[in-house]
Amino acid sequence: MNTGNKNFASNTTKKSSETLAMPVEKTTNKWGIVVLVSTFILMIGAAFLVYNLQSDFSDYNTERMTTTWGLIFSVIAGALFLYRGGFFIYNLYLYFRYKVIKSVTDEELPTCTVIVPAYNEGKQVYATLMSLAASDFPKEKLQLLAIDDGSKDDTWYWMQEAKNILGDRVTIFQQPENKGKRHALYRGFNLGTGEVFVTVDSDSVVNTDTLRNLVSPFVVNEKCGAVAGNIRVLNNEKALLPKMLNVNFVLSFEFMRSAESTLESVLCTPGALAAYRSSAVFECLPEWINQTFMGRPSDIGEDRAMTNMILKRGNHVLFQRNAYAYTNVPERYSGLYKMFIRWGRSNVRENIAMSKYVFTNFREGSKIGSRLLFINQFLKIIMSYPLILIMFYFVASHPILFLSSTLLSILIYSSFPAFFYAKRYTLAESFWAYSYSILYTFGLFWITPYAIATASKSGWLTRELSTKK
């Protein structure tokens, strides 16, 4: 079993990643236990209610079938259940077919340019650069570029500190003003000389074998245009939200992207860790840097946009489960929903862009898998409004039945991500899957509808300096 522990290249790198990742303020075990116990009390209580309210559910179902809205609700709910169940089985089949590509030899490895854009990242950028420099990758084949995108804090100072230690192994640049992550990456792409570009977020650290594992698919598969890395949470000992997100990330990457990779159609290479064949990047670069949505320049979703454009040109996009990066995630609700809004808006935009080519003859070989992935994404978007209306209707008509049946559903459906995490990592942490599902169901259900309604808005939302920082 691959534990994915943070095995950095040296004690120096490990120390920097731990001490500079942000001030460590471990959440006491007491609060974690309280949340987990409360989660299970709620769900077990819901199961008890459902058992004791069987006659009420029966009466409700009978009553629902006699009204127009109730009939519509039943049809949509039934169709959704069949669709989600069928697609889950399909993903499970793809997951078991997924095979990670092992690292090639030093001689076979391509030259690689790693680009680290940073904005208001402070000390963490130093840890990022040190972990990259400690990679088990031929030094003569590795170019490391760090770009300060007009930060207002001491990010540039920490880049200079890394430069003082690493010397000519890293080259640092400073943008005269903040132009956004896309422009910082654009500068890096134009300065880079590698056959493969790797982008790493400035709040992330990598394992010693991450880079070589990440770029090996370009050697094995000549049609490979991009590769997604495996993202885990770095600050998952500090607060409750990162603990939940850590479990969710494992499902999102190690299950979902493994399935997408089997179809050679990973839909998003994450900004925290992604690799691109340089020739594929330069084919997309003019369109990518000048991308607009509803007449406005796009300054979010640069990773999803690059992936989409590379797919459109017929390239394969893969996922490497053995290429780990650990990244910081929001620790408070406000930061979490802003991150999800940004992702949601990008998802809406890029699904619209994908709809323009996915049903054409955009690449050689089978295109069915790419189309099914698109349809799945598209249905999630268009169903968000009907589902939220159905939810409000259910809440208004039978709140007790809604609450009990929803919590019981969470207990059932969240068991798979919990089991999956326990199988891959540890049993104790897997129970956060249930807490995350409750949080998302009751606290973040509005994200997709809101992201659709505000898809034309831009802004990073989570990179400005906080009072605490």
Protein backbone atom coordinates (compact mmCIF):
# COMPACT_ATOMS: atom_id res chain seq x y z
CA MET A 1 0.00 0.00 0.00
CA ASN A 2 1.28 3.44 -0.91
CA THR A 3 1.07 5.54 2.21
CA GLY A 4 1.98 8.81 0.50
CA ASN A 5 3.81 10.14 3.53
CA LYS A 6 5.68 13.43 3.25
CA ASN A 7 9.08 11.88 2.59
CA PHE A 8 11.06 14.91 1.53
CA ALA A 9 14.53 14.64 0.10
CA SER A 10 16.49 15.69 3.14
CA ASN A 11 16.16 16.75 6.74
CA THR A 12 16.60 20.35 5.67
CA THR A 13 13.70 20.19 3.26
CA LYS A 14 11.53 18.32 5.71
CA LYS A 15 12.27 20.85 8.42
CA SER A 16 11.49 23.81 6.18
CA SER A 17 8.24 22.30 4.97
CA GLU A 18 7.10 21.68 8.52
CA THR A 19 8.21 24.92 10.12
CA LEU A 20 7.48 27.32 7.31
CA ALA A 21 4.21 25.94 6.00
CA MET A 22 2.41 28.46 8.25
CA PRO A 23 2.51 28.69 12.06
CA VAL A 24 1.60 25.25 13.38
CA GLU A 25 -1.38 25.40 15.70
CA LYS A 26 -2.56 21.83 16.08
CA THR A 27 -6.24 21.45 16.74
CA THR A 28 -6.74 19.53 19.94
CA ASN A 29 -7.92 15.96 19.60
CA LYS A 30 -10.84 16.90 21.81
CA TRP A 31 -12.53 19.04 19.17
CA GLY A 32 -11.93 16.47 16.47
CA ILE A 33 -13.54 13.79 18.61
CA VAL A 34 -16.47 16.08 19.41
CA VAL A 35 -17.14 16.70 15.72
CA LEU A 36 -16.86 13.06 14.73
CA VAL A 37 -19.04 11.85 17.61
CA SER A 38 -21.64 14.52 16.81
CA THR A 39 -21.58 13.45 13.18
CA PHE A 40 -22.39 9.85 14.01
CA ILE A 41 -24.99 10.77 16.62
CA LEU A 42 -26.79 12.80 13.96
CA MET A 43 -26.68 10.03 11.36
CA ILE A 44 -27.58 7.20 13.74
CA GLY A 45 -30.38 9.35 15.10
CA ALA A 46 -31.53 9.90 11.53
CA ALA A 47 -31.53 6.15 10.88
CA PHE A 48 -33.62 5.65 14.04
CA LEU A 49 -36.08 8.33 12.89
CA VAL A 50 -36.39 6.84 9.42
CA TYR A 51 -37.11 3.44 10.96
CA ASN A 52 -39.79 4.87 13.23
CA LEU A 53 -41.31 7.09 10.55
CA GLN A 54 -41.82 4.40 7.96
CA SER A 55 -45.56 4.95 7.86
CA ASP A 56 -45.05 8.70 7.43
CA PHE A 57 -42.68 8.08 4.52
CA SER A 58 -45.21 5.73 2.96
CA ASP A 59 -48.00 8.32 3.32
CA TYR A 60 -45.73 11.04 1.95
CA ASN A 61 -44.79 8.97 -1.10
CA THR A 62 -48.45 8.16 -1.76
CA GLU A 63 -49.41 11.82 -1.42
CA ARG A 64 -46.49 12.93 -3.58
CA MET A 65 -47.52 10.69 -6.47
CA THR A 66 -50.96 12.31 -6.61
CA THR A 67 -49.62 15.83 -7.28
CA THR A 68 -47.88 17.25 -10.34
CA TRP A 69 -44.91 18.57 -8.40
CA GLY A 70 -44.64 15.37 -6.45
CA LEU A 71 -44.62 13.31 -9.63
CA ILE A 72 -41.93 15.55 -11.14
CA PHE A 73 -39.91 15.17 -7.95
CA SER A 74 -40.20 11.37 -8.11
CA VAL A 75 -39.18 11.19 -11.76
CA ILE A 76 -36.16 13.46 -11.28
CA ALA A 77 -35.09 11.68 -8.08
CA GLY A 78 -35.41 8.26 -9.71
CA ALA A 79 -33.54 9.30 -12.84
CA LEU A 80 -30.82 10.92 -10.76
CA PHE A 81 -30.43 7.80 -8.63
CA LEU A 82 -30.07 5.56 -11.70
CA TYR A 83 -27.67 7.97 -13.41
CA ARG A 84 -25.41 8.43 -10.40
CA GLY A 85 -25.41 4.76 -9.59
CA GLY A 86 -24.60 3.81 -13.17
CA PHE A 87 -21.83 6.37 -13.49
CA PHE A 88 -20.33 5.30 -10.17
CA ILE A 89 -20.13 1.70 -11.36
CA TYR A 90 -18.55 2.92 -14.60
CA ASN A 91 -15.94 4.93 -12.64
CA LEU A 92 -15.27 1.93 -10.42
CA TYR A 93 -14.59 -0.17 -13.52
CA LEU A 94 -12.22 2.50 -14.88
CA TYR A 95 -10.47 2.84 -11.53
CA PHE A 96 -9.57 -0.84 -11.42
CA ARG A 97 -8.19 -0.57 -14.95
CA TYR A 98 -5.94 2.37 -14.06
CA LYS A 99 -2.20 1.71 -14.01
CA VAL A 100 0.38 4.16 -12.75
CA ILE A 101 3.39 4.74 -15.01
CA LYS A 102 6.65 3.94 -13.24
CA SER A 103 9.56 6.34 -13.37
CA VAL A 104 11.86 6.07 -16.37
CA THR A 105 15.66 6.11 -16.05
CA ASP A 106 17.73 9.27 -15.59
CA GLU A 107 18.89 9.00 -19.18
CA GLU A 108 15.32 8.85 -20.48
CA LEU A 109 14.00 11.72 -18.37
CA PRO A 110 13.28 14.88 -20.41
CA THR A 111 14.64 18.29 -19.52
CA CYS A 112 12.22 19.97 -17.15
CA THR A 113 11.37 23.56 -16.24
CA VAL A 114 9.54 23.97 -12.94
CA ILE A 115 7.60 27.23 -12.58
CA VAL A 116 6.51 28.49 -9.16
CA PRO A 117 4.26 31.57 -9.29
CA ALA A 118 3.74 33.25 -5.92
CA TYR A 119 1.56 36.01 -4.55
CA ASN A 120 1.43 36.95 -0.86
CA GLU A 121 2.77 33.53 0.09
CA GLY A 122 5.35 34.61 2.66
CA LYS A 123 7.59 31.95 4.17
CA GLN A 124 5.86 29.03 2.47
CA VAL A 125 7.44 29.80 -0.92
CA TYR A 126 10.84 29.06 0.63
CA ALA A 127 9.69 25.59 1.69
CA THR A 128 8.26 25.02 -1.78
CA LEU A 129 11.52 25.89 -3.53
CA MET A 130 13.63 23.87 -1.12
CA SER A 131 11.49 20.75 -1.59
CA LEU A 132 11.74 21.08 -5.37
CA ALA A 133 15.50 21.58 -5.26
CA ALA A 134 15.83 18.41 -3.18
CA SER A 135 14.12 16.33 -5.87
CA ASP A 136 15.70 13.12 -7.10
CA PHE A 137 16.00 14.52 -10.62
CA PRO A 138 19.18 15.02 -12.66
CA LYS A 139 20.34 18.53 -11.80
CA GLU A 140 21.58 19.20 -15.32
CA LYS A 141 18.07 18.52 -16.62
CA LEU A 142 16.20 20.67 -14.09
CA GLN A 143 15.48 24.39 -14.43
CA LEU A 144 13.74 26.03 -11.46
CA LEU A 145 11.98 29.39 -11.94
CA ALA A 146 10.19 31.34 -9.20
CA ILE A 147 8.09 34.40 -10.04
CA ASP A 148 6.82 36.87 -7.45
CA ASP A 149 3.61 38.29 -8.88
CA GLY A 150 3.80 41.69 -7.18
CA SER A 151 3.31 40.44 -3.62
CA LYS A 152 2.51 42.88 -0.83
CA ASP A 153 4.20 40.83 1.89
CA ASP A 154 7.68 39.32 2.33
CA THR A 155 7.38 36.71 -0.44
CA TRP A 156 10.24 38.28 -2.42
CA TYR A 157 12.48 38.19 0.65
CA TRP A 158 11.92 34.45 1.06
CA MET A 159 12.59 33.87 -2.62
CA GLN A 160 15.89 35.67 -2.16
CA GLU A 161 16.66 33.50 0.87
CA ALA A 162 16.09 30.38 -1.24
CA LYS A 163 18.29 31.88 -3.95
CA ASN A 164 21.08 32.52 -1.44
CA ILE A 165 21.10 28.84 -0.50
CA LEU A 166 20.42 27.25 -3.89
CA GLY A 167 22.50 29.62 -6.00
CA ASP A 168 22.19 29.14 -9.74
CA ARG A 169 19.90 26.15 -9.24
CA VAL A 170 17.00 28.59 -8.99
CA THR A 171 16.24 31.78 -10.90
CA ILE A 172 13.88 34.31 -9.35
CA PHE A 173 11.88 37.07 -10.98
CA GLN A 174 9.67 39.85 -9.67
CA GLN A 175 6.67 41.19 -11.56
CA PRO A 176 6.45 45.01 -11.29
CA GLU A 177 2.79 44.69 -10.27
CA ASN A 178 0.26 42.01 -9.52
CA LYS A 179 -1.12 40.75 -12.83
CA GLY A 180 -2.50 37.40 -11.71
CA LYS A 181 -1.26 33.83 -11.68
CA ARG A 182 -1.91 33.33 -15.40
CA HIS A 183 0.48 36.14 -16.34
CA ALA A 184 3.15 34.90 -13.92
CA LEU A 185 2.94 31.45 -15.51
CA TYR A 186 3.00 33.03 -18.97
CA ARG A 187 6.29 34.69 -18.15
CA GLY A 188 7.65 31.39 -16.88
CA PHE A 189 6.55 29.52 -20.02
CA ASN A 190 8.35 32.04 -22.20
CA LEU A 191 11.51 31.91 -20.09
CA GLY A 192 11.58 28.13 -19.70
CA THR A 193 13.82 25.93 -21.82
CA GLY A 194 12.67 22.47 -20.74
CA GLU A 195 10.95 19.87 -22.91
CA VAL A 196 8.38 19.62 -20.12
CA PHE A 197 6.92 22.43 -18.02
CA VAL A 198 5.89 21.67 -14.43
CA THR A 199 3.78 24.15 -12.49
CA VAL A 200 3.77 24.03 -8.69
CA ASP A 201 1.79 26.32 -6.40
CA SER A 202 3.83 28.33 -3.93
CA ASP A 203 1.94 26.85 -0.97
CA SER A 204 2.89 23.28 -1.88
CA VAL A 205 5.77 20.90 -1.22
CA VAL A 206 6.69 17.71 -3.07
CA ASN A 207 8.25 14.32 -2.39
CA THR A 208 11.75 13.57 -3.64
CA ASP A 209 10.45 11.32 -6.44
CA THR A 210 7.51 13.52 -7.43
CA LEU A 211 9.06 15.27 -10.44
CA ARG A 212 10.49 12.15 -12.06
CA ASN A 213 7.20 10.27 -11.58
CA LEU A 214 5.22 13.21 -12.91
CA VAL A 215 7.12 13.63 -16.18
CA SER A 216 7.70 9.94 -17.01
CA PRO A 217 4.41 9.57 -18.95
CA PHE A 218 5.72 12.00 -21.60
CA VAL A 219 8.47 9.49 -22.39
CA VAL A 220 6.18 6.46 -22.42
CA ASN A 221 3.24 8.05 -24.29
CA GLU A 222 4.14 10.32 -27.21
CA LYS A 223 0.53 11.58 -27.39
CA CYS A 224 0.57 12.72 -23.76
CA GLY A 225 0.19 16.49 -23.58
CA ALA A 226 -0.37 16.98 -19.85
CA VAL A 227 -0.18 15.11 -16.55
CA ALA A 228 -2.00 15.79 -13.28
CA GLY A 229 -0.25 15.22 -9.97
CA ASN A 230 -1.72 13.69 -6.82
CA ILE A 231 -2.68 16.41 -4.34
CA ARG A 232 -2.89 15.90 -0.59
CA VAL A 233 -3.45 18.42 2.20
CA LEU A 234 -0.33 19.80 3.92
CA ASN A 235 -1.97 21.57 6.87
CA ASN A 236 -4.30 18.72 7.87
CA GLU A 237 -3.12 18.74 11.48
CA LYS A 238 -4.05 22.37 12.11
CA ALA A 239 -7.82 22.60 11.81
CA LEU A 240 -10.96 20.59 11.19
CA LEU A 241 -11.66 21.73 7.62
CA PRO A 242 -8.27 20.56 6.28
CA LYS A 243 -8.87 17.16 7.89
CA MET A 244 -12.14 16.87 5.97
CA LEU A 245 -10.64 18.14 2.73
CA ASN A 246 -7.74 15.71 2.98
CA VAL A 247 -10.18 12.79 2.75
CA ASN A 248 -12.12 14.48 -0.03
CA PHE A 249 -8.94 15.14 -2.04
CA VAL A 250 -8.07 11.45 -1.96
CA LEU A 251 -11.43 10.56 -3.51
CA SER A 252 -11.22 13.41 -6.03
CA PHE A 253 -7.71 12.56 -7.19
CA GLU A 254 -6.98 8.93 -6.51
CA PHE A 255 -10.42 7.66 -7.50
CA MET A 256 -11.93 10.16 -9.93
CA ARG A 257 -8.76 11.19 -11.77
CA SER A 258 -7.60 7.59 -11.94
CA ALA A 259 -10.84 6.80 -13.76
CA GLU A 260 -10.44 9.81 -16.06
CA SER A 261 -6.83 8.88 -16.75
CA THR A 262 -7.91 5.43 -17.94
CA LEU A 263 -9.85 7.33 -20.62
CA GLU A 264 -6.77 9.53 -21.24
CA SER A 265 -9.00 12.52 -20.56
CA VAL A 266 -8.29 14.02 -17.14
CA LEU A 267 -10.39 17.19 -17.17
CA CYS A 268 -8.21 19.34 -14.91
CA THR A 269 -4.49 19.29 -14.15
CA PRO A 270 -4.31 21.03 -10.75
CA GLY A 271 -2.29 24.19 -10.29
CA ALA A 272 -0.70 22.69 -7.18
CA LEU A 273 1.13 20.13 -9.34
CA ALA A 274 0.84 19.65 -13.11
CA ALA A 275 3.12 18.94 -16.05
CA TYR A 276 2.75 19.93 -19.71
CA ARG A 277 4.68 19.05 -22.82
CA SER A 278 6.24 22.36 -23.87
CA SER A 279 5.23 21.96 -27.52
CA ALA A 280 1.59 21.50 -26.42
CA VAL A 281 1.80 24.61 -24.24
CA PHE A 282 3.14 26.80 -27.03
CA GLU A 283 0.33 25.65 -29.33
CA CYS A 284 -2.19 26.92 -26.77
CA LEU A 285 -0.31 29.89 -25.33
CA PRO A 286 -1.74 32.76 -27.44
CA GLU A 287 -5.32 31.55 -26.94
CA TRP A 288 -4.71 30.83 -23.25
CA ILE A 289 -3.21 34.18 -22.26
CA ASN A 290 -5.87 36.09 -24.20
CA GLN A 291 -8.80 33.96 -23.05
CA THR A 292 -11.98 35.86 -22.25
CA PHE A 293 -15.43 34.99 -20.94
CA MET A 294 -18.41 37.19 -21.75
CA GLY A 295 -16.03 39.89 -22.95
CA ARG A 296 -13.86 39.93 -19.84
CA PRO A 297 -10.29 38.61 -19.50
CA SER A 298 -10.14 35.29 -17.67
CA ASP A 299 -7.99 35.54 -14.56
CA ILE A 300 -9.14 32.35 -12.83
CA GLY A 301 -9.13 28.70 -13.79
CA GLU A 302 -5.85 28.86 -15.67
CA ASP A 303 -5.14 25.19 -14.93
CA ARG A 304 -8.51 23.93 -16.17
CA ALA A 305 -8.27 26.20 -19.23
CA MET A 306 -4.81 24.90 -20.19
CA THR A 307 -5.99 21.30 -19.76
CA ASN A 308 -9.07 21.95 -21.88
CA MET A 309 -7.08 23.51 -24.69
CA ILE A 310 -4.56 20.67 -24.69
CA LEU A 311 -7.38 18.10 -24.84
CA LYS A 312 -9.02 20.04 -27.68
CA ARG A 313 -5.87 19.63 -29.78
CA GLY A 314 -6.08 15.85 -29.56
CA ASN A 315 -3.55 15.23 -26.79
CA HIS A 316 -3.92 12.73 -23.98
CA VAL A 317 -4.12 14.02 -20.40
CA LEU A 318 -3.12 11.55 -17.68
CA PHE A 319 -2.93 11.28 -13.89
CA GLN A 320 0.09 10.04 -11.93
CA ARG A 321 -0.96 8.65 -8.56
CA ASN A 322 2.69 8.28 -7.51
CA ALA A 323 3.49 12.00 -7.98
CA TYR A 324 2.57 13.65 -4.68
CA ALA A 325 2.28 17.31 -3.75
CA TYR A 326 1.05 18.59 -0.40
CA THR A 327 -0.75 21.91 -0.42
CA ASN A 328 -2.28 24.27 2.12
CA VAL A 329 -6.07 24.62 2.06
CA PRO A 330 -8.41 27.10 3.77
CA GLU A 331 -8.94 26.53 7.48
CA ARG A 332 -12.09 28.64 7.78
CA TYR A 333 -15.47 28.48 6.13
CA SER A 334 -15.07 31.85 4.39
CA GLY A 335 -11.86 30.76 2.70
CA LEU A 336 -13.36 27.40 1.77
CA TYR A 337 -16.46 28.73 0.04
CA LYS A 338 -14.41 31.34 -1.84
CA MET A 339 -12.11 28.60 -3.14
CA PHE A 340 -15.10 26.50 -4.21
CA ILE A 341 -16.76 29.48 -5.90
CA ARG A 342 -13.60 30.07 -7.93
CA TRP A 343 -13.47 26.41 -8.92
CA GLY A 344 -17.19 26.42 -9.70
CA ARG A 345 -16.97 29.44 -12.00
CA SER A 346 -14.04 27.89 -13.83
CA ASN A 347 -15.97 24.65 -14.18
CA VAL A 348 -18.92 26.45 -15.77
CA ARG A 349 -16.70 28.37 -18.19
CA GLU A 350 -14.64 25.38 -19.28
CA ASN A 351 -17.64 23.12 -19.72
CA ILE A 352 -19.05 25.68 -22.12
CA ALA A 353 -15.71 25.73 -23.94
CA MET A 354 -15.56 21.92 -23.98
CA SER A 355 -19.05 21.66 -25.46
CA LYS A 356 -17.75 23.36 -28.61
CA TYR A 357 -15.33 20.56 -29.52
CA VAL A 358 -16.07 17.39 -27.56
CA PHE A 359 -18.59 16.08 -30.09
CA THR A 360 -16.31 16.78 -33.04
CA ASN A 361 -13.50 14.58 -34.36
CA PHE A 362 -11.04 16.34 -32.07
CA ARG A 363 -8.58 13.48 -31.67
CA GLU A 364 -7.60 10.10 -33.03
CA GLY A 365 -8.99 6.96 -31.44
CA SER A 366 -11.98 6.64 -29.14
CA LYS A 367 -13.68 9.82 -28.00
CA ILE A 368 -16.58 8.21 -26.14
CA GLY A 369 -14.89 8.44 -22.75
CA SER A 370 -14.21 12.16 -23.09
CA ARG A 371 -17.82 12.73 -24.11
CA LEU A 372 -19.20 10.76 -21.18
CA LEU A 373 -17.04 12.75 -18.77
CA PHE A 374 -18.31 15.97 -20.32
CA ILE A 375 -21.94 14.84 -20.11
CA ASN A 376 -21.45 13.96 -16.46
CA GLN A 377 -20.02 17.41 -15.72
CA PHE A 378 -22.73 19.11 -17.76
CA LEU A 379 -25.54 17.26 -15.96
CA LYS A 380 -24.11 18.25 -12.57
CA ILE A 381 -24.30 21.87 -13.62
CA ILE A 382 -27.75 21.95 -15.23
CA MET A 383 -29.31 19.84 -12.45
CA SER A 384 -28.13 22.15 -9.68
CA TYR A 385 -31.15 24.47 -9.88
CA PRO A 386 -33.86 21.77 -10.09
CA LEU A 387 -32.25 19.89 -7.22
CA ILE A 388 -32.07 22.93 -4.98
CA LEU A 389 -35.73 23.70 -5.71
CA ILE A 390 -36.69 20.11 -4.90
CA MET A 391 -34.72 20.36 -1.68
CA PHE A 392 -36.52 23.52 -0.58
CA TYR A 393 -39.87 21.96 -1.51
CA PHE A 394 -39.07 18.88 0.61
CA VAL A 395 -37.86 21.03 3.53
CA ALA A 396 -41.01 23.16 3.45
CA SER A 397 -43.42 20.24 3.17
CA HIS A 398 -41.82 17.68 5.52
CA PRO A 399 -38.75 19.03 7.37
CA ILE A 400 -38.37 16.03 9.71
CA LEU A 401 -38.56 13.57 6.84
CA PHE A 402 -36.10 15.66 4.85
CA LEU A 403 -33.56 15.88 7.66
CA SER A 404 -33.72 12.22 8.63
CA SER A 405 -33.63 10.85 5.07
CA THR A 406 -30.79 13.21 4.07
CA LEU A 407 -28.62 12.27 7.03
CA LEU A 408 -29.28 8.57 6.45
CA SER A 409 -28.33 9.02 2.78
CA ILE A 410 -25.09 10.68 3.86
CA LEU A 411 -24.34 7.73 6.15
CA ILE A 412 -24.82 5.33 3.23
CA TYR A 413 -23.18 7.24 0.38
CA SER A 414 -20.22 8.55 2.38
CA SER A 415 -19.23 5.05 3.35
CA PHE A 416 -17.51 4.55 0.01
CA PRO A 417 -15.09 7.52 0.28
CA ALA A 418 -14.49 6.53 3.91
CA PHE A 419 -13.72 2.94 2.94
CA PHE A 420 -11.59 4.09 0.01
CA TYR A 421 -9.50 6.38 2.22
CA ALA A 422 -9.14 3.70 4.90
CA LYS A 423 -7.94 1.23 2.30
CA ARG A 424 -5.38 3.64 0.87
CA TYR A 425 -4.25 5.35 4.10
CA THR A 426 -5.59 5.16 7.67
CA LEU A 427 -8.88 4.10 9.20
CA ALA A 428 -8.93 6.82 11.87
CA GLU A 429 -8.82 9.70 9.37
CA SER A 430 -11.35 8.10 7.02
CA PHE A 431 -14.30 9.02 9.26
CA TRP A 432 -13.88 12.66 8.26
CA ALA A 433 -15.61 11.69 5.02
CA TYR A 434 -18.94 11.72 6.87
CA SER A 435 -18.33 15.12 8.47
CA TYR A 436 -17.32 16.58 5.11
CA SER A 437 -20.50 15.29 3.46
CA ILE A 438 -22.64 16.92 6.14
CA LEU A 439 -20.74 20.17 5.75
CA TYR A 440 -21.11 20.14 1.96
CA THR A 441 -24.78 19.11 2.00
CA PHE A 442 -25.92 21.75 4.47
CA GLY A 443 -23.23 24.42 4.21
CA LEU A 444 -21.99 24.42 0.61
CA PHE A 445 -24.98 23.25 -1.43
CA TRP A 446 -25.41 26.74 -2.83
CA ILE A 447 -21.96 26.94 -4.44
CA THR A 448 -22.78 25.55 -7.89
CA PRO A 449 -26.00 27.58 -8.42
CA TYR A 450 -24.19 30.71 -7.27
CA ALA A 451 -21.15 29.96 -9.46
CA ILE A 452 -23.44 29.57 -12.49
CA ALA A 453 -25.19 32.86 -11.80
CA THR A 454 -21.87 34.70 -11.31
CA ALA A 455 -19.74 32.83 -13.87
CA SER A 456 -18.70 36.07 -15.58
CA LYS A 457 -17.16 37.47 -12.39
CA SER A 458 -13.42 37.19 -11.87
CA GLY A 459 -11.07 37.54 -8.95
CA TRP A 460 -8.93 35.07 -7.02
CA LEU A 461 -10.88 35.76 -3.78
CA THR A 462 -8.44 33.99 -1.42
CA ARG A 463 -4.99 35.48 -2.01
CA GLU A 464 -5.24 38.88 -0.37
CA LEU A 465 -3.46 39.49 2.94
CA SER A 466 -5.48 38.74 6.03
CA THR A 467 -5.18 40.61 9.30
CA LYS A 468 -3.75 37.50 10.94
CA LYS A 469 -1.13 37.02 8.25
